[in-house]
């Protein structure tokens, strides 16, 4: 390989490593009146959550993965972080913990909205 090729490869590697950190800095955004994560996946709230505490753990969290907050990410405005039962951190919006749904396969899917009358697409 030439030095020029190695320089480009190094540049792409640095960009690839930096991008997840950039996306993680903004836990979510609004799209069509619904909160979505940085990948465009619908975010949900759970009616059984109360007092800034997640009631979705173990098997529930396998189907409804929490929107994880990573070390160093700062809460801002209505975006806050809560500590989960397992000690990990989760994003919340306006005090409500946020989740994705395993049956949503692509950005814009909202298959979990209204599920069992306790799961709802999160709205700002």
PDB file of N, CA and C in Angstrom:
ATOM      1  N   UNK A   1       0.837  -1.190   0.000  1.00  0.00           N
ATOM      2  CA  UNK A   1       0.000   0.000   0.000  1.00  0.00           C
ATOM      3  C   UNK A   1       0.877   1.246   0.000  1.00  0.00           C
ATOM      4  N   UNK A   2       0.368   2.250  -0.648  1.00  0.00           N
ATOM      5  CA  UNK A   2       1.103   3.507  -0.663  1.00  0.00           C
ATOM      6  C   UNK A   2       0.795   4.292   0.600  1.00  0.00           C
ATOM      7  N   UNK A   3       1.652   5.261   0.856  1.00  0.00           N
ATOM      8  CA  UNK A   3       1.438   6.113   2.028  1.00  0.00           C
ATOM      9  C   UNK A   3       0.124   6.876   1.900  1.00  0.00           C
ATOM     10  N   UNK A   4      -0.217   7.269   0.684  1.00  0.00           N
ATOM     11  CA  UNK A   4      -1.462   7.990   0.429  1.00  0.00           C
ATOM     12  C   UNK A   4      -2.675   7.120   0.809  1.00  0.00           C
ATOM     13  N   UNK A   5      -2.653   5.847   0.429  1.00  0.00           N
ATOM     14  CA  UNK A   5      -3.735   4.917   0.764  1.00  0.00           C
ATOM     15  C   UNK A   5      -3.841   4.742   2.271  1.00  0.00           C
ATOM     16  N   UNK A   6      -2.696   4.589   2.936  1.00  0.00           N
ATOM     17  CA  UNK A   6      -2.694   4.440   4.398  1.00  0.00           C
ATOM     18  C   UNK A   6      -3.275   5.675   5.082  1.00  0.00           C
ATOM     19  N   UNK A   7      -2.961   6.855   4.563  1.00  0.00           N
ATOM     20  CA  UNK A   7      -3.506   8.087   5.142  1.00  0.00           C
ATOM     21  C   UNK A   7      -5.027   8.112   5.032  1.00  0.00           C
ATOM     22  N   UNK A   8      -5.551   7.711   3.859  1.00  0.00           N
ATOM     23  CA  UNK A   8      -7.006   7.680   3.677  1.00  0.00           C
ATOM     24  C   UNK A   8      -7.647   6.655   4.605  1.00  0.00           C
ATOM     25  N   UNK A   9      -7.017   5.500   4.738  1.00  0.00           N
ATOM     26  CA  UNK A   9      -7.562   4.454   5.616  1.00  0.00           C
ATOM     27  C   UNK A   9      -7.605   4.953   7.066  1.00  0.00           C
ATOM     28  N   UNK A  10      -6.566   5.636   7.489  1.00  0.00           N
ATOM     29  CA  UNK A  10      -6.525   6.178   8.848  1.00  0.00           C
ATOM     30  C   UNK A  10      -7.618   7.221   9.034  1.00  0.00           C
ATOM     31  N   UNK A  11      -7.807   8.068   8.029  1.00  0.00           N
ATOM     32  CA  UNK A  11      -8.844   9.094   8.103  1.00  0.00           C
ATOM     33  C   UNK A  11     -10.234   8.462   8.220  1.00  0.00           C
ATOM     34  N   UNK A  12     -10.509   7.436   7.426  1.00  0.00           N
ATOM     35  CA  UNK A  12     -11.803   6.748   7.496  1.00  0.00           C
ATOM     36  C   UNK A  12     -11.995   6.066   8.841  1.00  0.00           C
ATOM     37  N   UNK A  13     -10.942   5.489   9.377  1.00  0.00           N
ATOM     38  CA  UNK A  13     -11.039   4.812  10.680  1.00  0.00           C
ATOM     39  C   UNK A  13     -11.376   5.820  11.774  1.00  0.00           C
ATOM     40  N   UNK A  14     -10.721   6.971  11.756  1.00  0.00           N
ATOM     41  CA  UNK A  14     -11.006   8.013  12.756  1.00  0.00           C
ATOM     42  C   UNK A  14     -12.441   8.503  12.611  1.00  0.00           C
ATOM     43  N   UNK A  15     -12.896   8.715  11.377  1.00  0.00           N
ATOM     44  CA  UNK A  15     -14.275   9.170  11.155  1.00  0.00           C
ATOM     45  C   UNK A  15     -15.272   8.130  11.651  1.00  0.00           C
ATOM     46  N   UNK A  16     -15.020   6.873  11.383  1.00  0.00           N
ATOM     47  CA  UNK A  16     -15.933   5.810  11.809  1.00  0.00           C
ATOM     48  C   UNK A  16     -16.021   5.741  13.324  1.00  0.00           C
ATOM     49  N   UNK A  17     -14.898   5.937  13.996  1.00  0.00           N
ATOM     50  CA  UNK A  17     -14.911   5.911  15.458  1.00  0.00           C
ATOM     51  C   UNK A  17     -15.574   7.146  16.034  1.00  0.00           C
ATOM     52  N   UNK A  18     -15.458   8.260  15.368  1.00  0.00           N
ATOM     53  CA  UNK A  18     -16.031   9.505  15.871  1.00  0.00           C
ATOM     54  C   UNK A  18     -17.536   9.555  15.692  1.00  0.00           C
ATOM     55  N   UNK A  19     -18.059   8.992  14.618  1.00  0.00           N
ATOM     56  CA  UNK A  19     -19.488   9.100  14.331  1.00  0.00           C
ATOM     57  C   UNK A  19     -20.387   8.537  15.423  1.00  0.00           C
ATOM     58  N   UNK A  20     -20.126   7.343  15.978  1.00  0.00           N
ATOM     59  CA  UNK A  20     -21.006   6.877  17.047  1.00  0.00           C
ATOM     60  C   UNK A  20     -21.052   7.838  18.227  1.00  0.00           C
ATOM     61  N   UNK A  21     -19.931   8.466  18.544  1.00  0.00           N
ATOM     62  CA  UNK A  21     -19.906   9.424  19.638  1.00  0.00           C
ATOM     63  C   UNK A  21     -20.743  10.651  19.341  1.00  0.00           C
ATOM     64  N   UNK A  22     -20.742  11.077  18.086  1.00  0.00           N
ATOM     65  CA  UNK A  22     -21.548  12.227  17.692  1.00  0.00           C
ATOM     66  C   UNK A  22     -23.027  11.870  17.812  1.00  0.00           C
ATOM     67  N   UNK A  23     -23.401  10.708  17.311  1.00  0.00           N
ATOM     68  CA  UNK A  23     -24.798  10.297  17.368  1.00  0.00           C
ATOM     69  C   UNK A  23     -25.245  10.127  18.809  1.00  0.00           C
ATOM     70  N   UNK A  24     -24.371   9.621  19.656  1.00  0.00           N
ATOM     71  CA  UNK A  24     -24.729   9.380  21.051  1.00  0.00           C
ATOM     72  C   UNK A  24     -24.890  10.682  21.833  1.00  0.00           C
ATOM     73  N   UNK A  25     -24.276  11.763  21.349  1.00  0.00           N
ATOM     74  CA  UNK A  25     -24.372  13.027  22.057  1.00  0.00           C
ATOM     75  C   UNK A  25     -25.796  13.559  22.040  1.00  0.00           C
ATOM     76  N   UNK A  26     -26.555  13.238  21.010  1.00  0.00           N
ATOM     77  CA  UNK A  26     -27.956  13.626  20.930  1.00  0.00           C
ATOM     78  C   UNK A  26     -28.780  12.346  21.073  1.00  0.00           C
ATOM     79  N   UNK A  27     -29.379  12.101  22.250  1.00  0.00           N
ATOM     80  CA  UNK A  27     -30.058  10.835  22.474  1.00  0.00           C
ATOM     81  C   UNK A  27     -31.246  10.599  21.551  1.00  0.00           C
ATOM     82  N   UNK A  28     -31.839  11.643  21.059  1.00  0.00           N
ATOM     83  CA  UNK A  28     -32.991  11.478  20.192  1.00  0.00           C
ATOM     84  C   UNK A  28     -33.380  12.783  19.550  1.00  0.00           C
ATOM     85  N   UNK A  29     -34.368  12.681  18.693  1.00  0.00           N
ATOM     86  CA  UNK A  29     -34.884  13.857  18.007  1.00  0.00           C
ATOM     87  C   UNK A  29     -36.344  13.596  17.672  1.00  0.00           C
ATOM     88  N   UNK A  30     -36.990  14.580  17.141  1.00  0.00           N
ATOM     89  CA  UNK A  30     -38.399  14.439  16.765  1.00  0.00           C
ATOM     90  C   UNK A  30     -38.512  14.228  15.264  1.00  0.00           C
ATOM     91  N   UNK A  31     -39.373  13.280  14.874  1.00  0.00           N
ATOM     92  CA  UNK A  31     -39.654  13.053  13.464  1.00  0.00           C
ATOM     93  C   UNK A  31     -41.144  12.747  13.344  1.00  0.00           C
ATOM     94  N   UNK A  32     -41.839  13.556  12.575  1.00  0.00           N
ATOM     95  CA  UNK A  32     -43.284  13.384  12.374  1.00  0.00           C
ATOM     96  C   UNK A  32     -44.055  13.350  13.697  1.00  0.00           C
ATOM     97  N   UNK A  33     -43.634  14.191  14.643  1.00  0.00           N
ATOM     98  CA  UNK A  33     -44.341  14.308  15.915  1.00  0.00           C
ATOM     99  C   UNK A  33     -44.044  13.223  16.929  1.00  0.00           C
ATOM    100  N   UNK A  34     -43.047  12.371  16.642  1.00  0.00           N
ATOM    101  CA  UNK A  34     -42.689  11.272  17.532  1.00  0.00           C
ATOM    102  C   UNK A  34     -41.189  11.353  17.813  1.00  0.00           C
ATOM    103  N   UNK A  35     -40.775  11.011  19.030  1.00  0.00           N
ATOM    104  CA  UNK A  35     -39.358  10.970  19.343  1.00  0.00           C
ATOM    105  C   UNK A  35     -38.736   9.714  18.744  1.00  0.00           C
ATOM    106  N   UNK A  36     -37.555   9.876  18.161  1.00  0.00           N
ATOM    107  CA  UNK A  36     -36.805   8.761  17.590  1.00  0.00           C
ATOM    108  C   UNK A  36     -35.370   8.827  18.098  1.00  0.00           C
ATOM    109  N   UNK A  37     -34.687   7.660  18.076  1.00  0.00           N
ATOM    110  CA  UNK A  37     -33.287   7.656  18.485  1.00  0.00           C
ATOM    111  C   UNK A  37     -32.410   8.130  17.326  1.00  0.00           C
ATOM    112  N   UNK A  38     -31.107   8.105  17.521  1.00  0.00           N
ATOM    113  CA  UNK A  38     -30.195   8.621  16.497  1.00  0.00           C
ATOM    114  C   UNK A  38     -30.217   7.793  15.213  1.00  0.00           C
ATOM    115  N   UNK A  39     -30.759   6.568  15.268  1.00  0.00           N
ATOM    116  CA  UNK A  39     -30.892   5.729  14.070  1.00  0.00           C
ATOM    117  C   UNK A  39     -32.263   5.887  13.424  1.00  0.00           C
ATOM    118  N   UNK A  40     -33.106   6.754  13.975  1.00  0.00           N
ATOM    119  CA  UNK A  40     -34.439   6.980  13.417  1.00  0.00           C
ATOM    120  C   UNK A  40     -35.491   6.003  13.902  1.00  0.00           C
ATOM    121  N   UNK A  41     -35.144   5.176  14.906  1.00  0.00           N
ATOM    122  CA  UNK A  41     -36.090   4.198  15.447  1.00  0.00           C
ATOM    123  C   UNK A  41     -37.023   4.875  16.458  1.00  0.00           C
ATOM    124  N   UNK A  42     -38.288   4.517  16.401  1.00  0.00           N
ATOM    125  CA  UNK A  42     -39.294   5.092  17.290  1.00  0.00           C
ATOM    126  C   UNK A  42     -38.949   4.803  18.744  1.00  0.00           C
ATOM    127  N   UNK A  43     -39.134   5.811  19.591  1.00  0.00           N
ATOM    128  CA  UNK A  43     -38.952   5.659  21.029  1.00  0.00           C
ATOM    129  C   UNK A  43     -40.318   5.553  21.691  1.00  0.00           C
ATOM    130  N   UNK A  44     -40.381   4.763  22.754  1.00  0.00           N
ATOM    131  CA  UNK A  44     -41.642   4.476  23.440  1.00  0.00           C
ATOM    132  C   UNK A  44     -41.550   4.772  24.926  1.00  0.00           C
ATOM    133  N   UNK A  45     -42.730   5.029  25.524  1.00  0.00           N
ATOM    134  CA  UNK A  45     -42.865   5.141  26.977  1.00  0.00           C
ATOM    135  C   UNK A  45     -43.746   3.997  27.465  1.00  0.00           C
ATOM    136  N   UNK A  46     -43.610   3.683  28.741  1.00  0.00           N
ATOM    137  CA  UNK A  46     -44.305   2.563  29.371  1.00  0.00           C
ATOM    138  C   UNK A  46     -45.138   3.117  30.521  1.00  0.00           C
ATOM    139  N   UNK A  47     -46.457   2.899  30.488  1.00  0.00           N
ATOM    140  CA  UNK A  47     -47.356   3.460  31.501  1.00  0.00           C
ATOM    141  C   UNK A  47     -47.030   3.018  32.923  1.00  0.00           C
ATOM    142  N   UNK A  48     -46.385   1.861  33.090  1.00  0.00           N
ATOM    143  CA  UNK A  48     -46.095   1.359  34.438  1.00  0.00           C
ATOM    144  C   UNK A  48     -44.874   2.019  35.072  1.00  0.00           C
ATOM    145  N   UNK A  49     -44.094   2.765  34.282  1.00  0.00           N
ATOM    146  CA  UNK A  49     -42.966   3.517  34.837  1.00  0.00           C
ATOM    147  C   UNK A  49     -43.523   4.672  35.667  1.00  0.00           C
ATOM    148  N   UNK A  50     -42.898   4.917  36.805  1.00  0.00           N
ATOM    149  CA  UNK A  50     -43.365   6.016  37.664  1.00  0.00           C
ATOM    150  C   UNK A  50     -42.197   6.575  38.465  1.00  0.00           C
ATOM    151  N   UNK A  51     -42.286   7.851  38.753  1.00  0.00           N
ATOM    152  CA  UNK A  51     -41.289   8.492  39.600  1.00  0.00           C
ATOM    153  C   UNK A  51     -39.881   8.445  39.039  1.00  0.00           C
ATOM    154  N   UNK A  52     -39.752   8.479  37.716  1.00  0.00           N
ATOM    155  CA  UNK A  52     -38.432   8.447  37.106  1.00  0.00           C
ATOM    156  C   UNK A  52     -37.745   7.101  37.230  1.00  0.00           C
ATOM    157  N   UNK A  53     -38.514   6.042  37.443  1.00  0.00           N
ATOM    158  CA  UNK A  53     -37.953   4.705  37.589  1.00  0.00           C
ATOM    159  C   UNK A  53     -38.535   3.781  36.525  1.00  0.00           C
ATOM    160  N   UNK A  54     -37.654   2.972  35.916  1.00  0.00           N
ATOM    161  CA  UNK A  54     -38.088   2.008  34.915  1.00  0.00           C
ATOM    162  C   UNK A  54     -38.625   0.755  35.591  1.00  0.00           C
ATOM    163  N   UNK A  55     -39.792   0.327  35.156  1.00  0.00           N
ATOM    164  CA  UNK A  55     -40.378  -0.930  35.635  1.00  0.00           C
ATOM    165  C   UNK A  55     -40.205  -2.031  34.599  1.00  0.00           C
ATOM    166  N   UNK A  56     -39.491  -1.752  33.520  1.00  0.00           N
ATOM    167  CA  UNK A  56     -39.264  -2.723  32.446  1.00  0.00           C
ATOM    168  C   UNK A  56     -37.845  -3.260  32.574  1.00  0.00           C
ATOM    169  N   UNK A  57     -37.728  -4.446  33.149  1.00  0.00           N
ATOM    170  CA  UNK A  57     -36.430  -5.078  33.371  1.00  0.00           C
ATOM    171  C   UNK A  57     -36.487  -6.521  32.885  1.00  0.00           C
ATOM    172  N   UNK A  58     -35.362  -7.204  32.919  1.00  0.00           N
ATOM    173  CA  UNK A  58     -35.253  -8.618  32.573  1.00  0.00           C
ATOM    174  C   UNK A  58     -35.891  -8.923  31.214  1.00  0.00           C
ATOM    175  N   UNK A  59     -36.897  -9.839  31.162  1.00  0.00           N
ATOM    176  CA  UNK A  59     -37.508 -10.218  29.881  1.00  0.00           C
ATOM    177  C   UNK A  59     -38.165  -9.030  29.190  1.00  0.00           C
ATOM    178  N   UNK A  60     -38.760  -8.148  29.960  1.00  0.00           N
ATOM    179  CA  UNK A  60     -39.380  -6.955  29.384  1.00  0.00           C
ATOM    180  C   UNK A  60     -38.343  -6.147  28.602  1.00  0.00           C
ATOM    181  N   UNK A  61     -37.165  -5.948  29.192  1.00  0.00           N
ATOM    182  CA  UNK A  61     -36.124  -5.147  28.544  1.00  0.00           C
ATOM    183  C   UNK A  61     -35.535  -5.835  27.318  1.00  0.00           C
ATOM    184  N   UNK A  62     -35.722  -7.142  27.182  1.00  0.00           N
ATOM    185  CA  UNK A  62     -35.274  -7.829  25.961  1.00  0.00           C
ATOM    186  C   UNK A  62     -36.172  -7.453  24.788  1.00  0.00           C
ATOM    187  N   UNK A  63     -37.458  -7.280  25.051  1.00  0.00           N
ATOM    188  CA  UNK A  63     -38.412  -6.885  24.007  1.00  0.00           C
ATOM    189  C   UNK A  63     -38.475  -5.381  23.816  1.00  0.00           C
ATOM    190  N   UNK A  64     -38.213  -4.655  24.876  1.00  0.00           N
ATOM    191  CA  UNK A  64     -38.272  -3.197  24.876  1.00  0.00           C
ATOM    192  C   UNK A  64     -36.922  -2.668  25.365  1.00  0.00           C
ATOM    193  N   UNK A  65     -35.885  -2.729  24.512  1.00  0.00           N
ATOM    194  CA  UNK A  65     -34.563  -2.284  24.958  1.00  0.00           C
ATOM    195  C   UNK A  65     -34.568  -0.822  25.402  1.00  0.00           C
ATOM    196  N   UNK A  66     -34.024  -0.559  26.589  1.00  0.00           N
ATOM    197  CA  UNK A  66     -33.937   0.825  27.062  1.00  0.00           C
ATOM    198  C   UNK A  66     -32.996   1.641  26.172  1.00  0.00           C
ATOM    199  N   UNK A  67     -33.292   2.911  26.042  1.00  0.00           N
ATOM    200  CA  UNK A  67     -32.396   3.818  25.334  1.00  0.00           C
ATOM    201  C   UNK A  67     -31.255   4.128  26.290  1.00  0.00           C
ATOM    202  N   UNK A  68     -30.141   3.440  26.115  1.00  0.00           N
ATOM    203  CA  UNK A  68     -29.000   3.526  27.040  1.00  0.00           C
ATOM    204  C   UNK A  68     -28.317   4.885  26.962  1.00  0.00           C
ATOM    205  N   UNK A  69     -27.962   5.396  28.111  1.00  0.00           N
ATOM    206  CA  UNK A  69     -27.157   6.612  28.209  1.00  0.00           C
ATOM    207  C   UNK A  69     -25.730   6.166  28.503  1.00  0.00           C
ATOM    208  N   UNK A  70     -24.787   6.635  27.740  1.00  0.00           N
ATOM    209  CA  UNK A  70     -23.392   6.253  27.898  1.00  0.00           C
ATOM    210  C   UNK A  70     -22.659   7.255  28.783  1.00  0.00           C
ATOM    211  N   UNK A  71     -21.598   6.792  29.408  1.00  0.00           N
ATOM    212  CA  UNK A  71     -20.777   7.655  30.262  1.00  0.00           C
ATOM    213  C   UNK A  71     -20.327   8.877  29.474  1.00  0.00           C
ATOM    214  N   UNK A  72     -20.423  10.023  30.092  1.00  0.00           N
ATOM    215  CA  UNK A  72     -19.983  11.262  29.466  1.00  0.00           C
ATOM    216  C   UNK A  72     -21.066  11.996  28.695  1.00  0.00           C
ATOM    217  N   UNK A  73     -22.210  11.348  28.463  1.00  0.00           N
ATOM    218  CA  UNK A  73     -23.298  12.038  27.775  1.00  0.00           C
ATOM    219  C   UNK A  73     -24.027  12.913  28.789  1.00  0.00           C
ATOM    220  N   UNK A  74     -24.245  14.154  28.408  1.00  0.00           N
ATOM    221  CA  UNK A  74     -24.853  15.110  29.332  1.00  0.00           C
ATOM    222  C   UNK A  74     -26.332  15.303  29.027  1.00  0.00           C
ATOM    223  N   UNK A  75     -27.131  15.319  30.081  1.00  0.00           N
ATOM    224  CA  UNK A  75     -28.561  15.597  29.951  1.00  0.00           C
ATOM    225  C   UNK A  75     -28.755  17.089  29.719  1.00  0.00           C
ATOM    226  N   UNK A  76     -29.809  17.422  28.972  1.00  0.00           N
ATOM    227  CA  UNK A  76     -30.069  18.820  28.661  1.00  0.00           C
ATOM    228  C   UNK A  76     -31.550  19.030  28.431  1.00  0.00           C
ATOM    229  N   UNK A  77     -32.093  20.101  28.999  1.00  0.00           N
ATOM    230  CA  UNK A  77     -33.502  20.413  28.812  1.00  0.00           C
ATOM    231  C   UNK A  77     -34.392  19.320  29.378  1.00  0.00           C
ATOM    232  N   UNK A  78     -35.337  18.838  28.576  1.00  0.00           N
ATOM    233  CA  UNK A  78     -36.251  17.786  29.031  1.00  0.00           C
ATOM    234  C   UNK A  78     -35.612  16.398  28.983  1.00  0.00           C
ATOM    235  N   UNK A  79     -34.421  16.289  28.386  1.00  0.00           N
ATOM    236  CA  UNK A  79     -33.693  15.019  28.330  1.00  0.00           C
ATOM    237  C   UNK A  79     -32.963  14.811  29.649  1.00  0.00           C
ATOM    238  N   UNK A  80     -33.265  13.727  30.331  1.00  0.00           N
ATOM    239  CA  UNK A  80     -32.615  13.394  31.599  1.00  0.00           C
ATOM    240  C   UNK A  80     -32.155  11.946  31.542  1.00  0.00           C
ATOM    241  N   UNK A  81     -31.449  11.535  32.581  1.00  0.00           N
ATOM    242  CA  UNK A  81     -30.992  10.154  32.684  1.00  0.00           C
ATOM    243  C   UNK A  81     -31.472   9.562  33.999  1.00  0.00           C
ATOM    244  N   UNK A  82     -31.830   8.288  33.958  1.00  0.00           N
ATOM    245  CA  UNK A  82     -32.232   7.586  35.175  1.00  0.00           C
ATOM    246  C   UNK A  82     -31.323   6.371  35.347  1.00  0.00           C
ATOM    247  N   UNK A  83     -31.193   5.918  36.592  1.00  0.00           N
ATOM    248  CA  UNK A  83     -30.415   4.714  36.866  1.00  0.00           C
ATOM    249  C   UNK A  83     -31.361   3.527  36.865  1.00  0.00           C
ATOM    250  N   UNK A  84     -31.013   2.499  36.084  1.00  0.00           N
ATOM    251  CA  UNK A  84     -31.820   1.290  35.986  1.00  0.00           C
ATOM    252  C   UNK A  84     -31.516   0.324  37.132  1.00  0.00           C
ATOM    253  N   UNK A  85     -32.374  -0.649  37.281  1.00  0.00           N
ATOM    254  CA  UNK A  85     -32.225  -1.672  38.312  1.00  0.00           C
ATOM    255  C   UNK A  85     -30.860  -2.364  38.242  1.00  0.00           C
ATOM    256  N   UNK A  86     -30.325  -2.542  37.014  1.00  0.00           N
ATOM    257  CA  UNK A  86     -29.033  -3.213  36.844  1.00  0.00           C
ATOM    258  C   UNK A  86     -27.844  -2.264  36.986  1.00  0.00           C
ATOM    259  N   UNK A  87     -28.111  -0.998  37.298  1.00  0.00           N
ATOM    260  CA  UNK A  87     -27.050  -0.010  37.491  1.00  0.00           C
ATOM    261  C   UNK A  87     -26.697   0.775  36.242  1.00  0.00           C
ATOM    262  N   UNK A  88     -27.177   0.354  35.081  1.00  0.00           N
ATOM    263  CA  UNK A  88     -26.904   1.099  33.853  1.00  0.00           C
ATOM    264  C   UNK A  88     -27.771   2.363  33.816  1.00  0.00           C
ATOM    265  N   UNK A  89     -27.415   3.251  32.921  1.00  0.00           N
ATOM    266  CA  UNK A  89     -28.144   4.508  32.791  1.00  0.00           C
ATOM    267  C   UNK A  89     -29.022   4.465  31.543  1.00  0.00           C
ATOM    268  N   UNK A  90     -30.173   5.129  31.646  1.00  0.00           N
ATOM    269  CA  UNK A  90     -31.159   5.153  30.568  1.00  0.00           C
ATOM    270  C   UNK A  90     -31.623   6.580  30.357  1.00  0.00           C
ATOM    271  N   UNK A  91     -31.871   6.926  29.095  1.00  0.00           N
ATOM    272  CA  UNK A  91     -32.414   8.240  28.782  1.00  0.00           C
ATOM    273  C   UNK A  91     -33.907   8.291  29.101  1.00  0.00           C
ATOM    274  N   UNK A  92     -34.339   9.450  29.533  1.00  0.00           N
ATOM    275  CA  UNK A  92     -35.751   9.731  29.770  1.00  0.00           C
ATOM    276  C   UNK A  92     -36.050  11.085  29.134  1.00  0.00           C
ATOM    277  N   UNK A  93     -37.291  11.280  28.755  1.00  0.00           N
ATOM    278  CA  UNK A  93     -37.727  12.562  28.217  1.00  0.00           C
ATOM    279  C   UNK A  93     -38.898  13.036  29.049  1.00  0.00           C
ATOM    280  N   UNK A  94     -38.765  14.236  29.587  1.00  0.00           N
ATOM    281  CA  UNK A  94     -39.804  14.813  30.444  1.00  0.00           C
ATOM    282  C   UNK A  94     -40.153  13.859  31.589  1.00  0.00           C
ATOM    283  N   UNK A  95     -39.112  13.187  32.125  1.00  0.00           N
ATOM    284  CA  UNK A  95     -39.277  12.296  33.264  1.00  0.00           C
ATOM    285  C   UNK A  95     -39.704  10.878  32.926  1.00  0.00           C
ATOM    286  N   UNK A  96     -39.944  10.592  31.641  1.00  0.00           N
ATOM    287  CA  UNK A  96     -40.413   9.261  31.242  1.00  0.00           C
ATOM    288  C   UNK A  96     -39.283   8.475  30.578  1.00  0.00           C
ATOM    289  N   UNK A  97     -38.908   7.317  31.157  1.00  0.00           N
ATOM    290  CA  UNK A  97     -37.871   6.499  30.533  1.00  0.00           C
ATOM    291  C   UNK A  97     -38.262   6.102  29.104  1.00  0.00           C
ATOM    292  N   UNK A  98     -37.249   5.988  28.239  1.00  0.00           N
ATOM    293  CA  UNK A  98     -37.478   5.715  26.823  1.00  0.00           C
ATOM    294  C   UNK A  98     -36.932   4.363  26.406  1.00  0.00           C
ATOM    295  N   UNK A  99     -37.641   3.732  25.466  1.00  0.00           N
ATOM    296  CA  UNK A  99     -37.319   2.397  24.982  1.00  0.00           C
ATOM    297  C   UNK A  99     -37.497   2.336  23.466  1.00  0.00           C
ATOM    298  N   UNK A 100     -36.857   1.345  22.843  1.00  0.00           N
ATOM    299  CA  UNK A 100     -37.165   0.977  21.469  1.00  0.00           C
ATOM    300  C   UNK A 100     -37.956  -0.332  21.548  1.00  0.00           C
ATOM    301  N   UNK A 101     -38.358  -0.879  20.398  1.00  0.00           N
ATOM    302  CA  UNK A 101     -39.125  -2.119  20.382  1.00  0.00           C
ATOM    303  C   UNK A 101     -38.485  -3.081  19.392  1.00  0.00           C
ATOM    304  N   UNK A 102     -38.260  -4.334  19.800  1.00  0.00           N
ATOM    305  CA  UNK A 102     -37.540  -5.288  18.952  1.00  0.00           C
ATOM    306  C   UNK A 102     -38.262  -5.598  17.642  1.00  0.00           C
ATOM    307  N   UNK A 103     -39.560  -5.422  17.585  1.00  0.00           N
ATOM    308  CA  UNK A 103     -40.291  -5.735  16.348  1.00  0.00           C
ATOM    309  C   UNK A 103     -40.263  -4.593  15.335  1.00  0.00           C
ATOM    310  N   UNK A 104     -39.782  -3.428  15.740  1.00  0.00           N
ATOM    311  CA  UNK A 104     -39.554  -2.348  14.777  1.00  0.00           C
ATOM    312  C   UNK A 104     -38.277  -2.696  14.031  1.00  0.00           C
ATOM    313  N   UNK A 105     -38.348  -2.800  12.727  1.00  0.00           N
ATOM    314  CA  UNK A 105     -37.203  -3.231  11.933  1.00  0.00           C
ATOM    315  C   UNK A 105     -36.479  -2.105  11.210  1.00  0.00           C
ATOM    316  N   UNK A 106     -37.174  -0.994  10.968  1.00  0.00           N
ATOM    317  CA  UNK A 106     -36.543   0.128  10.268  1.00  0.00           C
ATOM    318  C   UNK A 106     -37.084   1.435  10.823  1.00  0.00           C
ATOM    319  N   UNK A 107     -36.332   2.504  10.593  1.00  0.00           N
ATOM    320  CA  UNK A 107     -36.774   3.815  11.027  1.00  0.00           C
ATOM    321  C   UNK A 107     -38.173   4.119  10.538  1.00  0.00           C
ATOM    322  N   UNK A 108     -39.003   4.658  11.402  1.00  0.00           N
ATOM    323  CA  UNK A 108     -40.379   4.980  11.047  1.00  0.00           C
ATOM    324  C   UNK A 108     -41.377   3.916  11.459  1.00  0.00           C
ATOM    325  N   UNK A 109     -40.906   2.667  11.681  1.00  0.00           N
ATOM    326  CA  UNK A 109     -41.814   1.626  12.183  1.00  0.00           C
ATOM    327  C   UNK A 109     -42.325   2.035  13.562  1.00  0.00           C
ATOM    328  N   UNK A 110     -43.610   1.765  13.824  1.00  0.00           N
ATOM    329  CA  UNK A 110     -44.220   2.091  15.122  1.00  0.00           C
ATOM    330  C   UNK A 110     -45.092   0.919  15.572  1.00  0.00           C
ATOM    331  N   UNK A 111     -44.591  -0.302  15.410  1.00  0.00           N
ATOM    332  CA  UNK A 111     -45.406  -1.479  15.709  1.00  0.00           C
ATOM    333  C   UNK A 111     -45.725  -1.621  17.195  1.00  0.00           C
ATOM    334  N   UNK A 112     -44.984  -0.939  18.048  1.00  0.00           N
ATOM    335  CA  UNK A 112     -45.237  -1.040  19.484  1.00  0.00           C
ATOM    336  C   UNK A 112     -46.233  -0.033  20.018  1.00  0.00           C
ATOM    337  N   UNK A 113     -46.628   0.947  19.184  1.00  0.00           N
ATOM    338  CA  UNK A 113     -47.529   1.992  19.663  1.00  0.00           C
ATOM    339  C   UNK A 113     -48.887   1.405  20.032  1.00  0.00           C
ATOM    340  N   UNK A 114     -49.292   1.570  21.280  1.00  0.00           N
ATOM    341  CA  UNK A 114     -50.568   1.060  21.766  1.00  0.00           C
ATOM    342  C   UNK A 114     -50.521  -0.385  22.233  1.00  0.00           C
ATOM    343  N   UNK A 115     -49.354  -1.016  22.187  1.00  0.00           N
ATOM    344  CA  UNK A 115     -49.217  -2.417  22.593  1.00  0.00           C
ATOM    345  C   UNK A 115     -49.718  -2.603  24.030  1.00  0.00           C
ATOM    346  N   UNK A 116     -50.654  -3.530  24.180  1.00  0.00           N
ATOM    347  CA  UNK A 116     -51.252  -3.887  25.477  1.00  0.00           C
ATOM    348  C   UNK A 116     -51.785  -2.655  26.231  1.00  0.00           C
ATOM    349  N   UNK A 117     -52.058  -1.601  25.497  1.00  0.00           N
ATOM    350  CA  UNK A 117     -52.560  -0.340  26.048  1.00  0.00           C
ATOM    351  C   UNK A 117     -51.651   0.292  27.094  1.00  0.00           C
ATOM    352  N   UNK A 118     -50.362  -0.123  27.141  1.00  0.00           N
ATOM    353  CA  UNK A 118     -49.427   0.469  28.107  1.00  0.00           C
ATOM    354  C   UNK A 118     -48.150   1.001  27.464  1.00  0.00           C
ATOM    355  N   UNK A 119     -47.944   0.707  26.176  1.00  0.00           N
ATOM    356  CA  UNK A 119     -46.773   1.200  25.447  1.00  0.00           C
ATOM    357  C   UNK A 119     -47.235   2.233  24.429  1.00  0.00           C
ATOM    358  N   UNK A 120     -46.525   3.374  24.397  1.00  0.00           N
ATOM    359  CA  UNK A 120     -46.943   4.471  23.517  1.00  0.00           C
ATOM    360  C   UNK A 120     -45.725   5.100  22.855  1.00  0.00           C
ATOM    361  N   UNK A 121     -45.872   5.468  21.587  1.00  0.00           N
ATOM    362  CA  UNK A 121     -44.828   6.227  20.931  1.00  0.00           C
ATOM    363  C   UNK A 121     -44.622   7.515  21.724  1.00  0.00           C
ATOM    364  N   UNK A 122     -43.360   7.810  22.018  1.00  0.00           N
ATOM    365  CA  UNK A 122     -43.029   9.001  22.820  1.00  0.00           C
ATOM    366  C   UNK A 122     -43.198  10.256  21.975  1.00  0.00           C
ATOM    367  N   UNK A 123     -43.841  11.237  22.544  1.00  0.00           N
ATOM    368  CA  UNK A 123     -44.063  12.506  21.849  1.00  0.00           C
ATOM    369  C   UNK A 123     -43.497  13.651  22.680  1.00  0.00           C
ATOM    370  N   UNK A 124     -42.928  14.630  21.988  1.00  0.00           N
ATOM    371  CA  UNK A 124     -42.349  15.772  22.715  1.00  0.00           C
ATOM    372  C   UNK A 124     -43.428  16.643  23.343  1.00  0.00           C
TER     373      UNK A 124
END
